[in-house]
Amino acid sequence: MAAFGYNRDGKKGKQQMVIGLLTGPEGAPAAVRVFAGNTQDPKTVTEQIRQLLKTGAFQMHLFESELADYA
């Protein structure tokens, strides 16, 4: 699961894991999943949404993100 990927802290040469966490409107976790450390953020978001759609737990139509990539 651990892999070399982009480290936001600027630490090089360290393996990491990516934790995908989606929350509901009040901040309660709706989906949590661990991804390989070289997984890019857009892929984690789409995978989490896909899982929620599969289980029927998806009820929101709008997502807000702190990452400018999704704006």
PDB file of N, CA and C in Angstrom:
ATOM      1  N   MET A   1       0.825  -1.189   0.000  1.00  0.00           N
ATOM      2  CA  MET A   1       0.000   0.000   0.000  1.00  0.00           C
ATOM      3  C   MET A   1       0.869   1.253   0.000  1.00  0.00           C
ATOM      4  N   ALA A   2       1.945   1.245   0.767  1.00  0.00           N
ATOM      5  CA  ALA A   2       2.827   2.415   0.789  1.00  0.00           C
ATOM      6  C   ALA A   2       3.559   2.523  -0.542  1.00  0.00           C
ATOM      7  N   ALA A   3       3.701   3.748  -1.020  1.00  0.00           N
ATOM      8  CA  ALA A   3       4.385   3.990  -2.291  1.00  0.00           C
ATOM      9  C   ALA A   3       4.936   5.407  -2.287  1.00  0.00           C
ATOM     10  N   PHE A   4       5.927   5.650  -3.136  1.00  0.00           N
ATOM     11  CA  PHE A   4       6.459   6.987  -3.277  1.00  0.00           C
ATOM     12  C   PHE A   4       5.474   7.823  -4.084  1.00  0.00           C
ATOM     13  N   GLY A   5       5.189   9.011  -3.602  1.00  0.00           N
ATOM     14  CA  GLY A   5       4.256   9.903  -4.279  1.00  0.00           C
ATOM     15  C   GLY A   5       4.536  11.333  -3.875  1.00  0.00           C
ATOM     16  N   TYR A   6       3.685  12.249  -4.293  1.00  0.00           N
ATOM     17  CA  TYR A   6       3.847  13.660  -3.972  1.00  0.00           C
ATOM     18  C   TYR A   6       3.593  13.877  -2.486  1.00  0.00           C
ATOM     19  N   ASN A   7       4.550  14.508  -1.820  1.00  0.00           N
ATOM     20  CA  ASN A   7       4.431  14.761  -0.392  1.00  0.00           C
ATOM     21  C   ASN A   7       4.225  16.255  -0.178  1.00  0.00           C
ATOM     22  N   ARG A   8       3.096  16.630   0.362  1.00  0.00           N
ATOM     23  CA  ARG A   8       2.778  18.051   0.573  1.00  0.00           C
ATOM     24  C   ARG A   8       3.681  18.718   1.598  1.00  0.00           C
ATOM     25  N   ASP A   9       4.339  17.926   2.433  1.00  0.00           N
ATOM     26  CA  ASP A   9       5.257  18.478   3.421  1.00  0.00           C
ATOM     27  C   ASP A   9       6.654  18.697   2.843  1.00  0.00           C
ATOM     28  N   GLY A  10       6.849  18.290   1.610  1.00  0.00           N
ATOM     29  CA  GLY A  10       8.141  18.477   0.965  1.00  0.00           C
ATOM     30  C   GLY A  10       9.201  17.466   1.361  1.00  0.00           C
ATOM     31  N   LYS A  11       8.808  16.405   2.059  1.00  0.00           N
ATOM     32  CA  LYS A  11       9.763  15.375   2.466  1.00  0.00           C
ATOM     33  C   LYS A  11       9.988  14.428   1.298  1.00  0.00           C
ATOM     34  N   LYS A  12      11.231  14.248   0.932  1.00  0.00           N
ATOM     35  CA  LYS A  12      11.552  13.370  -0.188  1.00  0.00           C
ATOM     36  C   LYS A  12      12.089  12.038   0.313  1.00  0.00           C
ATOM     37  N   GLY A  13      11.898  10.996  -0.507  1.00  0.00           N
ATOM     38  CA  GLY A  13      12.437   9.686  -0.166  1.00  0.00           C
ATOM     39  C   GLY A  13      11.636   8.930   0.877  1.00  0.00           C
ATOM     40  N   LYS A  14      10.409   9.323   1.113  1.00  0.00           N
ATOM     41  CA  LYS A  14       9.555   8.653   2.100  1.00  0.00           C
ATOM     42  C   LYS A  14       8.340   8.046   1.397  1.00  0.00           C
ATOM     43  N   GLN A  15       8.040   6.815   1.737  1.00  0.00           N
ATOM     44  CA  GLN A  15       6.823   6.206   1.219  1.00  0.00           C
ATOM     45  C   GLN A  15       5.646   6.702   2.044  1.00  0.00           C
ATOM     46  N   GLN A  16       4.481   6.708   1.426  1.00  0.00           N
ATOM     47  CA  GLN A  16       3.296   7.196   2.123  1.00  0.00           C
ATOM     48  C   GLN A  16       2.061   6.460   1.647  1.00  0.00           C
ATOM     49  N   MET A  17       0.968   6.667   2.361  1.00  0.00           N
ATOM     50  CA  MET A  17      -0.343   6.176   1.962  1.00  0.00           C
ATOM     51  C   MET A  17      -1.260   7.384   1.862  1.00  0.00           C
ATOM     52  N   VAL A  18      -2.287   7.279   1.035  1.00  0.00           N
ATOM     53  CA  VAL A  18      -3.263   8.350   0.882  1.00  0.00           C
ATOM     54  C   VAL A  18      -4.571   7.879   1.511  1.00  0.00           C
ATOM     55  N   ILE A  19      -5.140   8.707   2.368  1.00  0.00           N
ATOM     56  CA  ILE A  19      -6.416   8.377   2.988  1.00  0.00           C
ATOM     57  C   ILE A  19      -7.485   9.255   2.363  1.00  0.00           C
ATOM     58  N   GLY A  20      -8.459   8.622   1.720  1.00  0.00           N
ATOM     59  CA  GLY A  20      -9.572   9.347   1.110  1.00  0.00           C
ATOM     60  C   GLY A  20     -10.720   9.414   2.097  1.00  0.00           C
ATOM     61  N   LEU A  21     -11.113  10.629   2.463  1.00  0.00           N
ATOM     62  CA  LEU A  21     -12.181  10.825   3.430  1.00  0.00           C
ATOM     63  C   LEU A  21     -13.209  11.797   2.864  1.00  0.00           C
ATOM     64  N   LEU A  22     -14.437  11.347   2.735  1.00  0.00           N
ATOM     65  CA  LEU A  22     -15.546  12.227   2.351  1.00  0.00           C
ATOM     66  C   LEU A  22     -16.443  12.382   3.553  1.00  0.00           C
ATOM     67  N   THR A  23     -16.916  13.609   3.777  1.00  0.00           N
ATOM     68  CA  THR A  23     -17.796  13.859   4.913  1.00  0.00           C
ATOM     69  C   THR A  23     -19.133  14.395   4.442  1.00  0.00           C
ATOM     70  N   GLY A  24     -20.125  14.240   5.287  1.00  0.00           N
ATOM     71  CA  GLY A  24     -21.446  14.791   5.027  1.00  0.00           C
ATOM     72  C   GLY A  24     -21.471  16.265   5.386  1.00  0.00           C
ATOM     73  N   PRO A  25     -22.630  16.907   5.240  1.00  0.00           N
ATOM     74  CA  PRO A  25     -22.749  18.348   5.491  1.00  0.00           C
ATOM     75  C   PRO A  25     -22.341  18.772   6.904  1.00  0.00           C
ATOM     76  N   GLU A  26     -22.531  17.904   7.880  1.00  0.00           N
ATOM     77  CA  GLU A  26     -22.178  18.264   9.251  1.00  0.00           C
ATOM     78  C   GLU A  26     -20.782  17.792   9.659  1.00  0.00           C
ATOM     79  N   GLY A  27     -20.049  17.232   8.718  1.00  0.00           N
ATOM     80  CA  GLY A  27     -18.678  16.811   8.998  1.00  0.00           C
ATOM     81  C   GLY A  27     -18.517  15.365   9.400  1.00  0.00           C
ATOM     82  N   ALA A  28     -19.605  14.619   9.483  1.00  0.00           N
ATOM     83  CA  ALA A  28     -19.501  13.198   9.825  1.00  0.00           C
ATOM     84  C   ALA A  28     -18.962  12.423   8.623  1.00  0.00           C
ATOM     85  N   PRO A  29     -18.077  11.447   8.854  1.00  0.00           N
ATOM     86  CA  PRO A  29     -17.534  10.668   7.740  1.00  0.00           C
ATOM     87  C   PRO A  29     -18.627   9.939   6.957  1.00  0.00           C
ATOM     88  N   ALA A  30     -18.559  10.041   5.639  1.00  0.00           N
ATOM     89  CA  ALA A  30     -19.490   9.321   4.769  1.00  0.00           C
ATOM     90  C   ALA A  30     -18.782   8.160   4.092  1.00  0.00           C
ATOM     91  N   ALA A  31     -17.484   8.306   3.842  1.00  0.00           N
ATOM     92  CA  ALA A  31     -16.698   7.254   3.211  1.00  0.00           C
ATOM     93  C   ALA A  31     -15.232   7.454   3.575  1.00  0.00           C
ATOM     94  N   VAL A  32     -14.556   6.362   3.890  1.00  0.00           N
ATOM     95  CA  VAL A  32     -13.133   6.391   4.207  1.00  0.00           C
ATOM     96  C   VAL A  32     -12.484   5.223   3.492  1.00  0.00           C
ATOM     97  N   ARG A  33     -11.354   5.488   2.853  1.00  0.00           N
ATOM     98  CA  ARG A  33     -10.646   4.421   2.151  1.00  0.00           C
ATOM     99  C   ARG A  33      -9.162   4.760   2.091  1.00  0.00           C
ATOM    100  N   VAL A  34      -8.322   3.747   2.150  1.00  0.00           N
ATOM    101  CA  VAL A  34      -6.877   3.934   2.050  1.00  0.00           C
ATOM    102  C   VAL A  34      -6.454   3.576   0.624  1.00  0.00           C
ATOM    103  N   PHE A  35      -5.637   4.465   0.040  1.00  0.00           N
ATOM    104  CA  PHE A  35      -5.136   4.281  -1.322  1.00  0.00           C
ATOM    105  C   PHE A  35      -3.612   4.203  -1.291  1.00  0.00           C
ATOM    106  N   ALA A  36      -3.029   3.678  -2.364  1.00  0.00           N
ATOM    107  CA  ALA A  36      -1.569   3.657  -2.494  1.00  0.00           C
ATOM    108  C   ALA A  36      -1.036   5.081  -2.444  1.00  0.00           C
ATOM    109  N   GLY A  37       0.175   5.248  -1.958  1.00  0.00           N
ATOM    110  CA  GLY A  37       0.761   6.564  -1.760  1.00  0.00           C
ATOM    111  C   GLY A  37       0.997   7.365  -3.019  1.00  0.00           C
ATOM    112  N   ASN A  38       0.933   6.737  -4.180  1.00  0.00           N
ATOM    113  CA  ASN A  38       1.126   7.477  -5.430  1.00  0.00           C
ATOM    114  C   ASN A  38      -0.199   7.748  -6.148  1.00  0.00           C
ATOM    115  N   THR A  39      -1.314   7.637  -5.445  1.00  0.00           N
ATOM    116  CA  THR A  39      -2.631   7.912  -6.022  1.00  0.00           C
ATOM    117  C   THR A  39      -2.904   9.409  -5.966  1.00  0.00           C
ATOM    118  N   GLN A  40      -3.296   9.990  -7.092  1.00  0.00           N
ATOM    119  CA  GLN A  40      -3.579  11.426  -7.143  1.00  0.00           C
ATOM    120  C   GLN A  40      -4.950  11.725  -6.561  1.00  0.00           C
ATOM    121  N   ASP A  41      -5.098  12.913  -5.966  1.00  0.00           N
ATOM    122  CA  ASP A  41      -6.347  13.303  -5.306  1.00  0.00           C
ATOM    123  C   ASP A  41      -7.595  13.151  -6.179  1.00  0.00           C
ATOM    124  N   PRO A  42      -7.581  13.594  -7.449  1.00  0.00           N
ATOM    125  CA  PRO A  42      -8.811  13.445  -8.251  1.00  0.00           C
ATOM    126  C   PRO A  42      -9.292  12.000  -8.348  1.00  0.00           C
ATOM    127  N   LYS A  43      -8.371  11.054  -8.380  1.00  0.00           N
ATOM    128  CA  LYS A  43      -8.771   9.641  -8.453  1.00  0.00           C
ATOM    129  C   LYS A  43      -9.410   9.182  -7.148  1.00  0.00           C
ATOM    130  N   THR A  44      -8.910   9.648  -6.005  1.00  0.00           N
ATOM    131  CA  THR A  44      -9.485   9.231  -4.734  1.00  0.00           C
ATOM    132  C   THR A  44     -10.913   9.741  -4.602  1.00  0.00           C
ATOM    133  N   VAL A  45     -11.153  10.967  -5.043  1.00  0.00           N
ATOM    134  CA  VAL A  45     -12.500  11.546  -4.942  1.00  0.00           C
ATOM    135  C   VAL A  45     -13.478  10.775  -5.820  1.00  0.00           C
ATOM    136  N   THR A  46     -13.102  10.521  -7.066  1.00  0.00           N
ATOM    137  CA  THR A  46     -14.018   9.808  -7.957  1.00  0.00           C
ATOM    138  C   THR A  46     -14.282   8.387  -7.473  1.00  0.00           C
ATOM    139  N   GLU A  47     -13.262   7.734  -6.933  1.00  0.00           N
ATOM    140  CA  GLU A  47     -13.458   6.375  -6.404  1.00  0.00           C
ATOM    141  C   GLU A  47     -14.414   6.374  -5.216  1.00  0.00           C
ATOM    142  N   GLN A  48     -14.272   7.349  -4.330  1.00  0.00           N
ATOM    143  CA  GLN A  48     -15.156   7.426  -3.168  1.00  0.00           C
ATOM    144  C   GLN A  48     -16.604   7.686  -3.607  1.00  0.00           C
ATOM    145  N   ILE A  49     -16.795   8.587  -4.543  1.00  0.00           N
ATOM    146  CA  ILE A  49     -18.150   8.876  -5.040  1.00  0.00           C
ATOM    147  C   ILE A  49     -18.742   7.636  -5.709  1.00  0.00           C
ATOM    148  N   ARG A  50     -17.918   6.948  -6.478  1.00  0.00           N
ATOM    149  CA  ARG A  50     -18.371   5.712  -7.141  1.00  0.00           C
ATOM    150  C   ARG A  50     -18.847   4.686  -6.122  1.00  0.00           C
ATOM    151  N   GLN A  51     -18.105   4.533  -5.024  1.00  0.00           N
ATOM    152  CA  GLN A  51     -18.500   3.583  -3.975  1.00  0.00           C
ATOM    153  C   GLN A  51     -19.814   4.004  -3.323  1.00  0.00           C
ATOM    154  N   LEU A  52     -19.981   5.297  -3.067  1.00  0.00           N
ATOM    155  CA  LEU A  52     -21.225   5.773  -2.463  1.00  0.00           C
ATOM    156  C   LEU A  52     -22.410   5.547  -3.406  1.00  0.00           C
ATOM    157  N   LEU A  53     -22.197   5.767  -4.688  1.00  0.00           N
ATOM    158  CA  LEU A  53     -23.264   5.521  -5.665  1.00  0.00           C
ATOM    159  C   LEU A  53     -23.649   4.045  -5.694  1.00  0.00           C
ATOM    160  N   LYS A  54     -22.649   3.172  -5.615  1.00  0.00           N
ATOM    161  CA  LYS A  54     -22.895   1.727  -5.631  1.00  0.00           C
ATOM    162  C   LYS A  54     -23.738   1.274  -4.453  1.00  0.00           C
ATOM    163  N   THR A  55     -23.457   1.837  -3.283  1.00  0.00           N
ATOM    164  CA  THR A  55     -24.150   1.404  -2.072  1.00  0.00           C
ATOM    165  C   THR A  55     -25.476   2.119  -1.869  1.00  0.00           C
ATOM    166  N   GLY A  56     -25.741   3.143  -2.674  1.00  0.00           N
ATOM    167  CA  GLY A  56     -26.986   3.894  -2.522  1.00  0.00           C
ATOM    168  C   GLY A  56     -26.929   4.925  -1.422  1.00  0.00           C
ATOM    169  N   ALA A  57     -25.754   5.159  -0.859  1.00  0.00           N
ATOM    170  CA  ALA A  57     -25.611   6.121   0.235  1.00  0.00           C
ATOM    171  C   ALA A  57     -25.394   7.548  -0.269  1.00  0.00           C
ATOM    172  N   PHE A  58     -25.289   7.709  -1.569  1.00  0.00           N
ATOM    173  CA  PHE A  58     -25.002   9.028  -2.152  1.00  0.00           C
ATOM    174  C   PHE A  58     -26.298   9.815  -2.300  1.00  0.00           C
ATOM    175  N   GLN A  59     -26.383  10.968  -1.631  1.00  0.00           N
ATOM    176  CA  GLN A  59     -27.579  11.799  -1.715  1.00  0.00           C
ATOM    177  C   GLN A  59     -27.267  13.249  -2.038  1.00  0.00           C
ATOM    178  N   MET A  60     -26.005  13.627  -2.031  1.00  0.00           N
ATOM    179  CA  MET A  60     -25.642  15.009  -2.307  1.00  0.00           C
ATOM    180  C   MET A  60     -25.349  15.178  -3.798  1.00  0.00           C
ATOM    181  N   HIS A  61     -25.600  16.351  -4.314  1.00  0.00           N
ATOM    182  CA  HIS A  61     -25.344  16.616  -5.720  1.00  0.00           C
ATOM    183  C   HIS A  61     -24.248  17.652  -5.924  1.00  0.00           C
ATOM    184  N   LEU A  62     -23.761  18.199  -4.833  1.00  0.00           N
ATOM    185  CA  LEU A  62     -22.744  19.244  -4.912  1.00  0.00           C
ATOM    186  C   LEU A  62     -21.628  18.924  -3.934  1.00  0.00           C
ATOM    187  N   PHE A  63     -20.398  18.987  -4.414  1.00  0.00           N
ATOM    188  CA  PHE A  63     -19.239  18.764  -3.562  1.00  0.00           C
ATOM    189  C   PHE A  63     -18.424  20.035  -3.487  1.00  0.00           C
ATOM    190  N   GLU A  64     -17.933  20.347  -2.314  1.00  0.00           N
ATOM    191  CA  GLU A  64     -17.003  21.444  -2.147  1.00  0.00           C
ATOM    192  C   GLU A  64     -15.654  20.839  -1.800  1.00  0.00           C
ATOM    193  N   SER A  65     -14.632  21.448  -2.315  1.00  0.00           N
ATOM    194  CA  SER A  65     -13.294  20.931  -2.054  1.00  0.00           C
ATOM    195  C   SER A  65     -12.366  22.076  -1.718  1.00  0.00           C
ATOM    196  N   GLU A  66     -11.414  21.806  -0.836  1.00  0.00           N
ATOM    197  CA  GLU A  66     -10.423  22.809  -0.513  1.00  0.00           C
ATOM    198  C   GLU A  66      -9.327  22.847  -1.558  1.00  0.00           C
ATOM    199  N   LEU A  67      -9.319  21.890  -2.470  1.00  0.00           N
ATOM    200  CA  LEU A  67      -8.289  21.831  -3.489  1.00  0.00           C
ATOM    201  C   LEU A  67      -8.728  22.611  -4.723  1.00  0.00           C
ATOM    202  N   ALA A  68      -7.892  23.516  -5.172  1.00  0.00           N
ATOM    203  CA  ALA A  68      -8.219  24.346  -6.330  1.00  0.00           C
ATOM    204  C   ALA A  68      -8.397  23.512  -7.604  1.00  0.00           C
ATOM    205  N   ASP A  69      -7.834  22.307  -7.629  1.00  0.00           N
ATOM    206  CA  ASP A  69      -7.945  21.458  -8.804  1.00  0.00           C
ATOM    207  C   ASP A  69      -9.383  21.139  -9.175  1.00  0.00           C
ATOM    208  N   TYR A  70     -10.281  21.194  -8.212  1.00  0.00           N
ATOM    209  CA  TYR A  70     -11.667  20.809  -8.469  1.00  0.00           C
ATOM    210  C   TYR A  70     -12.576  22.008  -8.689  1.00  0.00           C
ATOM    211  N   ALA A  71     -12.036  23.217  -8.604  1.00  0.00           N
ATOM    212  CA  ALA A  71     -12.858  24.425  -8.720  1.00  0.00           C
ATOM    213  C   ALA A  71     -13.306  24.661 -10.143  1.00  0.00           C
TER     214      ALA A  71
END
